[in-house]
Amino acid sequence: MLEDIVIDTPVDRPHSSGQTASQSAGHTGGRASSQPLRVAVLWKTPNLGLYSNAAFDDLYNGIGHNNGNLAFVHSICSHIANPVKHFSWGSSAETLRNNADIIVIPCANQLGRHTDYGQMAENLEKSGLPIVAIGLGAQANSYDHDVELSPGTLRWAQVIAASNPSSATSPNIYTRGAYTTAQLDKLGITGSLPGGCPSHFLNQAPGLGRKIHANWSALDLPRSITVAGGHQAWVKTREIEHQLIALMMDPIAPGQYIVQSMGEMIRASRGLFDSIDPHALKEIHRHTVPHYSFEEFKVWCRNYMRSYYDVPAWMDTLRQQDLTIGCRYHGVALAIQAERMGLTVTIDSRTRELCENTGVPYADAADLTMPLTRSRLKSLINFDPDAYDRHRAESAARYLDFLIANRLQPAPFLKSIANGK
């Protein structure tokens, strides 16, 4: 399983090492240096195909147990122009070695006590290939806490760092921000690049901030609202979600309640009520529309609760909404990439760090104590389009340098974003 702005501390762009992609040392599998490296992306199912009638377990495994994973995996694959093949996390060292010259791992909040990647660490080390980790995040309750790692996950991070053939000059781990990089430093894994989430560059055009601002400023108040729904066990955000759901259920401008995780929520979004643990289903009912009867709750789920299995369809539906708000960063970030406003309700270090490093507006859940109205939501968002576009361009330039330093050929549109034109 992977996952579950006002810019406070922008990061500095690293100094150029003067090294070109063709000059970088390391494994090439005997290929000529002028040929692009073959890339193994560790993501088993890049396309879920005609998924409308797919079995739930196939879909759930295909999204890595969280629909939000689709956002950054789709992004990373669109950023790399090398020949790419996809492999599962459990692929053998021999398979990886025979099919690729370099491994790219689309990352999420793996740095936390909820993971144990000891077996994967051993397999990656045996492959002998250089590894590039993109979007790695640390998960703790807040910035005031350090992450707690299993020995296996610590070993996994160490193997990735040690695989870098040019570790003295350029990093091979691109993190979600300064907090994650600082946590790696404390673990003795130094030199990672704090950058943000690669879904920041899902929209391929420069000037994204101006487009978002134009759509947002044309509204006196947001009408149609999408809620990036949380989890039924998140009691501390339950009253917030109740208020957001009430705003979403406008009879003239109806919105949607989009879920990403966990399995019970996703099952409910597909109407699979009989396969949900009765206690979990009761908690989902309590978390969303407790004033409805149980049968009315199921009708509500069919009418409003959604989950998406490809990024274009997800973004297209968000484009039709005025505002997306909720505790799920990627659900909100996709609205931003679809040129619509979003507001993340931050609940821990990972969501706050992502927002700070990608310019996605956010508000801490603890601060949302007043009744939530459309006017209040409008006032909570202070979006500077020029600052957003400058930050995005600078981030794209850093990301571009990172890819090139790791002998990955970047897609041309990344340069356009970095240049702002």
Foldseek 3Di string as FASTA:
>chain_A
DADPDDFDDEDDFDDDPPDFLLRFDDFQLPDHSVAFWEEEEAQAALDPPPCLPPDLVSLCVNCVQFVLSQLQVVLVVQWFPHHYDYHHLPDALVVDLVGTQEYEYEHHQQQAQVDAQQVSLVRLLVNLHQYAYAAYHHFDQALVDAGDYDPRVLSSLVSNQVSRRPNVRAGRYEYQADSRQVNCVVSVRHHYHDFFGSSLCVQLAFLLLVLQCVLQVVDPFWQAEEEADDALVPVLCLVVQQLRLVSQPDPVHHYAYEYTDHPLLQCLLVLVVVPHDPVRLVSVCSSHPVVDDSVVSSVCSPVHYHYDRHLVVLLVRLLSGQEYEYQDQSSQSSNSSSSHAYEHAHRRHRSVSNCNNSVHHYDHSVPPPDRDDRVVVSVSDDRDSVVNLQSQLSSLVSVCSNCRSSSTDTDVSSPCSVVSD
